[in-house]
Amino acid sequence: MVIFTKHALERMEQRDITRSEVKRALATGSLDTDHSGEHGEFKFKSTLLVVIGHVTETDEIVIMTTWRTA
């Protein structure tokens, strides 16, 4: 399950990014292994988006923010 924080939804609205685009980015992009988040978050990159989030103990994906690469 993918959960969007309030902050993520606000940024997505500002940047005209849909939930479907984020889910597609997670399905087709790659994990940025050079990124070491302070709180266990991950950075995922696709050709169109960068997604910052983390995975809970129950394997839910929590999206914290996202932005377009171009």
PDB file of N, CA and C in Angstrom:
ATOM      1  N   MET A   1       0.843  -1.169   0.000  1.00  0.00           N
ATOM      2  CA  MET A   1       0.000   0.000   0.000  1.00  0.00           C
ATOM      3  C   MET A   1       0.894   1.240   0.000  1.00  0.00           C
ATOM      4  N   VAL A   2       0.514   2.220  -0.797  1.00  0.00           N
ATOM      5  CA  VAL A   2       1.244   3.485  -0.864  1.00  0.00           C
ATOM      6  C   VAL A   2       0.429   4.542  -0.129  1.00  0.00           C
ATOM      7  N   ILE A   3       1.071   5.205   0.827  1.00  0.00           N
ATOM      8  CA  ILE A   3       0.435   6.253   1.623  1.00  0.00           C
ATOM      9  C   ILE A   3       1.147   7.568   1.326  1.00  0.00           C
ATOM     10  N   PHE A   4       0.385   8.622   1.128  1.00  0.00           N
ATOM     11  CA  PHE A   4       0.936   9.942   0.847  1.00  0.00           C
ATOM     12  C   PHE A   4       0.753  10.834   2.068  1.00  0.00           C
ATOM     13  N   THR A   5       1.836  11.432   2.555  1.00  0.00           N
ATOM     14  CA  THR A   5       1.720  12.364   3.671  1.00  0.00           C
ATOM     15  C   THR A   5       1.034  13.644   3.195  1.00  0.00           C
ATOM     16  N   LYS A   6       0.575  14.432   4.141  1.00  0.00           N
ATOM     17  CA  LYS A   6      -0.037  15.721   3.808  1.00  0.00           C
ATOM     18  C   LYS A   6       0.969  16.585   3.045  1.00  0.00           C
ATOM     19  N   HIS A   7       2.209  16.589   3.510  1.00  0.00           N
ATOM     20  CA  HIS A   7       3.255  17.365   2.842  1.00  0.00           C
ATOM     21  C   HIS A   7       3.431  16.911   1.389  1.00  0.00           C
ATOM     22  N   ALA A   8       3.478  15.603   1.178  1.00  0.00           N
ATOM     23  CA  ALA A   8       3.638  15.073  -0.187  1.00  0.00           C
ATOM     24  C   ALA A   8       2.485  15.518  -1.073  1.00  0.00           C
ATOM     25  N   LEU A   9       1.265  15.411  -0.570  1.00  0.00           N
ATOM     26  CA  LEU A   9       0.099  15.797  -1.369  1.00  0.00           C
ATOM     27  C   LEU A   9       0.111  17.286  -1.705  1.00  0.00           C
ATOM     28  N   GLU A  10       0.545  18.110  -0.753  1.00  0.00           N
ATOM     29  CA  GLU A  10       0.639  19.546  -1.019  1.00  0.00           C
ATOM     30  C   GLU A  10       1.671  19.827  -2.110  1.00  0.00           C
ATOM     31  N   ARG A  11       2.832  19.194  -2.017  1.00  0.00           N
ATOM     32  CA  ARG A  11       3.887  19.399  -3.020  1.00  0.00           C
ATOM     33  C   ARG A  11       3.455  18.853  -4.381  1.00  0.00           C
ATOM     34  N   MET A  12       2.766  17.711  -4.373  1.00  0.00           N
ATOM     35  CA  MET A  12       2.289  17.142  -5.637  1.00  0.00           C
ATOM     36  C   MET A  12       1.305  18.087  -6.315  1.00  0.00           C
ATOM     37  N   GLU A  13       0.425  18.685  -5.533  1.00  0.00           N
ATOM     38  CA  GLU A  13      -0.535  19.629  -6.101  1.00  0.00           C
ATOM     39  C   GLU A  13       0.195  20.839  -6.682  1.00  0.00           C
ATOM     40  N   GLN A  14       1.168  21.371  -5.950  1.00  0.00           N
ATOM     41  CA  GLN A  14       1.938  22.518  -6.425  1.00  0.00           C
ATOM     42  C   GLN A  14       2.690  22.199  -7.713  1.00  0.00           C
ATOM     43  N   ARG A  15       3.149  20.965  -7.843  1.00  0.00           N
ATOM     44  CA  ARG A  15       4.002  20.574  -8.968  1.00  0.00           C
ATOM     45  C   ARG A  15       3.242  19.809 -10.047  1.00  0.00           C
ATOM     46  N   ASP A  16       1.915  19.741  -9.908  1.00  0.00           N
ATOM     47  CA  ASP A  16       1.061  19.066 -10.887  1.00  0.00           C
ATOM     48  C   ASP A  16       1.507  17.618 -11.110  1.00  0.00           C
ATOM     49  N   ILE A  17       1.644  16.884 -10.005  1.00  0.00           N
ATOM     50  CA  ILE A  17       2.033  15.473 -10.044  1.00  0.00           C
ATOM     51  C   ILE A  17       0.868  14.667  -9.475  1.00  0.00           C
ATOM     52  N   THR A  18       0.484  13.605 -10.171  1.00  0.00           N
ATOM     53  CA  THR A  18      -0.629  12.776  -9.720  1.00  0.00           C
ATOM     54  C   THR A  18      -0.126  11.562  -8.934  1.00  0.00           C
ATOM     55  N   ARG A  19      -1.040  10.967  -8.183  1.00  0.00           N
ATOM     56  CA  ARG A  19      -0.716   9.734  -7.452  1.00  0.00           C
ATOM     57  C   ARG A  19      -0.304   8.628  -8.428  1.00  0.00           C
ATOM     58  N   SER A  20      -0.972   8.568  -9.553  1.00  0.00           N
ATOM     59  CA  SER A  20      -0.646   7.550 -10.558  1.00  0.00           C
ATOM     60  C   SER A  20       0.778   7.719 -11.075  1.00  0.00           C
ATOM     61  N   GLU A  21       1.202   8.961 -11.272  1.00  0.00           N
ATOM     62  CA  GLU A  21       2.575   9.205 -11.730  1.00  0.00           C
ATOM     63  C   GLU A  21       3.596   8.732 -10.702  1.00  0.00           C
ATOM     64  N   VAL A  22       3.314   8.961  -9.427  1.00  0.00           N
ATOM     65  CA  VAL A  22       4.228   8.529  -8.370  1.00  0.00           C
ATOM     66  C   VAL A  22       4.295   7.007  -8.340  1.00  0.00           C
ATOM     67  N   LYS A  23       3.152   6.353  -8.401  1.00  0.00           N
ATOM     68  CA  LYS A  23       3.130   4.885  -8.393  1.00  0.00           C
ATOM     69  C   LYS A  23       3.848   4.310  -9.611  1.00  0.00           C
ATOM     70  N   ARG A  24       3.681   4.950 -10.768  1.00  0.00           N
ATOM     71  CA  ARG A  24       4.381   4.518 -11.980  1.00  0.00           C
ATOM     72  C   ARG A  24       5.892   4.691 -11.816  1.00  0.00           C
ATOM     73  N   ALA A  25       6.307   5.797 -11.196  1.00  0.00           N
ATOM     74  CA  ALA A  25       7.731   6.032 -10.954  1.00  0.00           C
ATOM     75  C   ALA A  25       8.307   4.959 -10.044  1.00  0.00           C
ATOM     76  N   LEU A  26       7.553   4.574  -9.016  1.00  0.00           N
ATOM     77  CA  LEU A  26       8.018   3.522  -8.115  1.00  0.00           C
ATOM     78  C   LEU A  26       8.134   2.179  -8.842  1.00  0.00           C
ATOM     79  N   ALA A  27       7.249   1.944  -9.795  1.00  0.00           N
ATOM     80  CA  ALA A  27       7.249   0.670 -10.523  1.00  0.00           C
ATOM     81  C   ALA A  27       8.335   0.609 -11.592  1.00  0.00           C
ATOM     82  N   THR A  28       8.721   1.750 -12.141  1.00  0.00           N
ATOM     83  CA  THR A  28       9.640   1.731 -13.288  1.00  0.00           C
ATOM     84  C   THR A  28      11.004   2.348 -13.002  1.00  0.00           C
ATOM     85  N   GLY A  29      11.124   3.052 -11.889  1.00  0.00           N
ATOM     86  CA  GLY A  29      12.373   3.748 -11.584  1.00  0.00           C
ATOM     87  C   GLY A  29      13.373   2.860 -10.872  1.00  0.00           C
ATOM     88  N   SER A  30      14.361   3.506 -10.265  1.00  0.00           N
ATOM     89  CA  SER A  30      15.395   2.755  -9.546  1.00  0.00           C
ATOM     90  C   SER A  30      15.755   3.471  -8.252  1.00  0.00           C
ATOM     91  N   LEU A  31      16.210   2.692  -7.305  1.00  0.00           N
ATOM     92  CA  LEU A  31      16.612   3.202  -6.006  1.00  0.00           C
ATOM     93  C   LEU A  31      17.954   3.903  -6.133  1.00  0.00           C
ATOM     94  N   ASP A  32      18.053   5.098  -5.580  1.00  0.00           N
ATOM     95  CA  ASP A  32      19.319   5.830  -5.580  1.00  0.00           C
ATOM     96  C   ASP A  32      20.121   5.362  -4.372  1.00  0.00           C
ATOM     97  N   THR A  33      21.051   4.457  -4.589  1.00  0.00           N
ATOM     98  CA  THR A  33      21.805   3.865  -3.481  1.00  0.00           C
ATOM     99  C   THR A  33      22.829   4.826  -2.902  1.00  0.00           C
ATOM    100  N   ASP A  34      23.115   5.943  -3.576  1.00  0.00           N
ATOM    101  CA  ASP A  34      24.031   6.945  -3.036  1.00  0.00           C
ATOM    102  C   ASP A  34      23.353   7.813  -1.973  1.00  0.00           C
ATOM    103  N   HIS A  35      22.036   7.736  -1.905  1.00  0.00           N
ATOM    104  CA  HIS A  35      21.275   8.543  -0.949  1.00  0.00           C
ATOM    105  C   HIS A  35      21.204   7.805   0.384  1.00  0.00           C
ATOM    106  N   SER A  36      21.659   8.447   1.433  1.00  0.00           N
ATOM    107  CA  SER A  36      21.549   7.849   2.770  1.00  0.00           C
ATOM    108  C   SER A  36      20.731   8.785   3.649  1.00  0.00           C
ATOM    109  N   GLY A  37      19.462   8.477   3.765  1.00  0.00           N
ATOM    110  CA  GLY A  37      18.565   9.332   4.523  1.00  0.00           C
ATOM    111  C   GLY A  37      18.803   9.237   6.017  1.00  0.00           C
ATOM    112  N   GLU A  38      18.607  10.336   6.694  1.00  0.00           N
ATOM    113  CA  GLU A  38      18.814  10.396   8.135  1.00  0.00           C
ATOM    114  C   GLU A  38      17.800   9.562   8.911  1.00  0.00           C
ATOM    115  N   HIS A  39      16.626   9.388   8.367  1.00  0.00           N
ATOM    116  CA  HIS A  39      15.552   8.699   9.081  1.00  0.00           C
ATOM    117  C   HIS A  39      15.093   7.450   8.344  1.00  0.00           C
ATOM    118  N   GLY A  40      15.989   6.831   7.591  1.00  0.00           N
ATOM    119  CA  GLY A  40      15.662   5.602   6.886  1.00  0.00           C
ATOM    120  C   GLY A  40      14.877   5.805   5.605  1.00  0.00           C
ATOM    121  N   GLU A  41      14.827   7.029   5.119  1.00  0.00           N
ATOM    122  CA  GLU A  41      14.064   7.244   3.894  1.00  0.00           C
ATOM    123  C   GLU A  41      14.866   6.803   2.668  1.00  0.00           C
ATOM    124  N   PHE A  42      14.145   6.594   1.592  1.00  0.00           N
ATOM    125  CA  PHE A  42      14.768   6.222   0.331  1.00  0.00           C
ATOM    126  C   PHE A  42      14.562   7.334  -0.690  1.00  0.00           C
ATOM    127  N   LYS A  43      15.394   7.319  -1.710  1.00  0.00           N
ATOM    128  CA  LYS A  43      15.251   8.229  -2.849  1.00  0.00           C
ATOM    129  C   LYS A  43      15.127   7.351  -4.071  1.00  0.00           C
ATOM    130  N   PHE A  44      14.030   7.511  -4.784  1.00  0.00           N
ATOM    131  CA  PHE A  44      13.731   6.696  -5.947  1.00  0.00           C
ATOM    132  C   PHE A  44      13.663   7.613  -7.152  1.00  0.00           C
ATOM    133  N   LYS A  45      14.339   7.258  -8.226  1.00  0.00           N
ATOM    134  CA  LYS A  45      14.365   8.096  -9.422  1.00  0.00           C
ATOM    135  C   LYS A  45      13.776   7.352 -10.615  1.00  0.00           C
ATOM    136  N   SER A  46      12.991   8.079 -11.378  1.00  0.00           N
ATOM    137  CA  SER A  46      12.528   7.588 -12.673  1.00  0.00           C
ATOM    138  C   SER A  46      12.916   8.641 -13.705  1.00  0.00           C
ATOM    139  N   THR A  47      12.525   8.448 -14.931  1.00  0.00           N
ATOM    140  CA  THR A  47      12.877   9.426 -15.959  1.00  0.00           C
ATOM    141  C   THR A  47      12.162  10.756 -15.743  1.00  0.00           C
ATOM    142  N   LEU A  48      11.041  10.753 -15.024  1.00  0.00           N
ATOM    143  CA  LEU A  48      10.267  11.981 -14.842  1.00  0.00           C
ATOM    144  C   LEU A  48      10.231  12.507 -13.411  1.00  0.00           C
ATOM    145  N   LEU A  49      10.372  11.617 -12.422  1.00  0.00           N
ATOM    146  CA  LEU A  49      10.183  12.025 -11.032  1.00  0.00           C
ATOM    147  C   LEU A  49      11.302  11.536 -10.120  1.00  0.00           C
ATOM    148  N   VAL A  50      11.463  12.268  -9.024  1.00  0.00           N
ATOM    149  CA  VAL A  50      12.246  11.806  -7.874  1.00  0.00           C
ATOM    150  C   VAL A  50      11.236  11.679  -6.735  1.00  0.00           C
ATOM    151  N   VAL A  51      11.281  10.557  -6.026  1.00  0.00           N
ATOM    152  CA  VAL A  51      10.342  10.290  -4.942  1.00  0.00           C
ATOM    153  C   VAL A  51      11.139  10.019  -3.668  1.00  0.00           C
ATOM    154  N   ILE A  52      10.788  10.713  -2.585  1.00  0.00           N
ATOM    155  CA  ILE A  52      11.403  10.486  -1.284  1.00  0.00           C
ATOM    156  C   ILE A  52      10.337   9.872  -0.376  1.00  0.00           C
ATOM    157  N   GLY A  53      10.679   8.767   0.266  1.00  0.00           N
ATOM    158  CA  GLY A  53       9.725   8.101   1.152  1.00  0.00           C
ATOM    159  C   GLY A  53      10.431   7.132   2.073  1.00  0.00           C
ATOM    160  N   HIS A  54       9.652   6.331   2.760  1.00  0.00           N
ATOM    161  CA  HIS A  54      10.205   5.259   3.579  1.00  0.00           C
ATOM    162  C   HIS A  54       9.201   4.112   3.645  1.00  0.00           C
ATOM    163  N   VAL A  55       9.685   2.960   4.086  1.00  0.00           N
ATOM    164  CA  VAL A  55       8.848   1.771   4.192  1.00  0.00           C
ATOM    165  C   VAL A  55       8.634   1.478   5.676  1.00  0.00           C
ATOM    166  N   THR A  56       7.383   1.247   6.056  1.00  0.00           N
ATOM    167  CA  THR A  56       7.070   0.961   7.452  1.00  0.00           C
ATOM    168  C   THR A  56       7.365  -0.502   7.774  1.00  0.00           C
ATOM    169  N   GLU A  57       7.253  -0.836   9.039  1.00  0.00           N
ATOM    170  CA  GLU A  57       7.463  -2.219   9.480  1.00  0.00           C
ATOM    171  C   GLU A  57       6.443  -3.168   8.868  1.00  0.00           C
ATOM    172  N   THR A  58       5.296  -2.637   8.473  1.00  0.00           N
ATOM    173  CA  THR A  58       4.255  -3.467   7.854  1.00  0.00           C
ATOM    174  C   THR A  58       4.288  -3.375   6.325  1.00  0.00           C
ATOM    175  N   ASP A  59       5.425  -2.921   5.799  1.00  0.00           N
ATOM    176  CA  ASP A  59       5.676  -2.848   4.355  1.00  0.00           C
ATOM    177  C   ASP A  59       4.794  -1.858   3.602  1.00  0.00           C
ATOM    178  N   GLU A  60       4.275  -0.850   4.292  1.00  0.00           N
ATOM    179  CA  GLU A  60       3.571   0.225   3.607  1.00  0.00           C
ATOM    180  C   GLU A  60       4.614   1.229   3.132  1.00  0.00           C
ATOM    181  N   ILE A  61       4.419   1.781   1.951  1.00  0.00           N
ATOM    182  CA  ILE A  61       5.323   2.782   1.399  1.00  0.00           C
ATOM    183  C   ILE A  61       4.729   4.150   1.692  1.00  0.00           C
ATOM    184  N   VAL A  62       5.462   4.966   2.434  1.00  0.00           N
ATOM    185  CA  VAL A  62       5.005   6.293   2.794  1.00  0.00           C
ATOM    186  C   VAL A  62       5.772   7.315   1.955  1.00  0.00           C
ATOM    187  N   ILE A  63       5.059   8.058   1.135  1.00  0.00           N
ATOM    188  CA  ILE A  63       5.662   9.072   0.278  1.00  0.00           C
ATOM    189  C   ILE A  63       5.704  10.381   1.053  1.00  0.00           C
ATOM    190  N   MET A  64       6.928  10.940   1.174  1.00  0.00           N
ATOM    191  CA  MET A  64       7.110  12.169   1.936  1.00  0.00           C
ATOM    192  C   MET A  64       7.136  13.398   1.040  1.00  0.00           C
ATOM    193  N   THR A  65       7.730  13.289  -0.150  1.00  0.00           N
ATOM    194  CA  THR A  65       7.727  14.381  -1.130  1.00  0.00           C
ATOM    195  C   THR A  65       8.148  13.827  -2.482  1.00  0.00           C
ATOM    196  N   THR A  66       7.922  14.601  -3.507  1.00  0.00           N
ATOM    197  CA  THR A  66       8.323  14.226  -4.861  1.00  0.00           C
ATOM    198  C   THR A  66       8.446  15.477  -5.713  1.00  0.00           C
ATOM    199  N   TRP A  67       9.244  15.383  -6.764  1.00  0.00           N
ATOM    200  CA  TRP A  67       9.387  16.496  -7.707  1.00  0.00           C
ATOM    201  C   TRP A  67       9.777  15.966  -9.079  1.00  0.00           C
ATOM    202  N   ARG A  68       9.563  16.803 -10.068  1.00  0.00           N
ATOM    203  CA  ARG A  68       9.907  16.432 -11.450  1.00  0.00           C
ATOM    204  C   ARG A  68      11.407  16.593 -11.672  1.00  0.00           C
ATOM    205  N   THR A  69      11.965  15.746 -12.500  1.00  0.00           N
ATOM    206  CA  THR A  69      13.397  15.801 -12.784  1.00  0.00           C
ATOM    207  C   THR A  69      13.729  16.889 -13.781  1.00  0.00           C
ATOM    208  N   ALA A  70      12.774  17.290 -14.594  1.00  0.00           N
ATOM    209  CA  ALA A  70      13.041  18.318 -15.615  1.00  0.00           C
ATOM    210  C   ALA A  70      12.207  19.549 -15.376  1.00  0.00           C
TER     211      ALA A  70
END
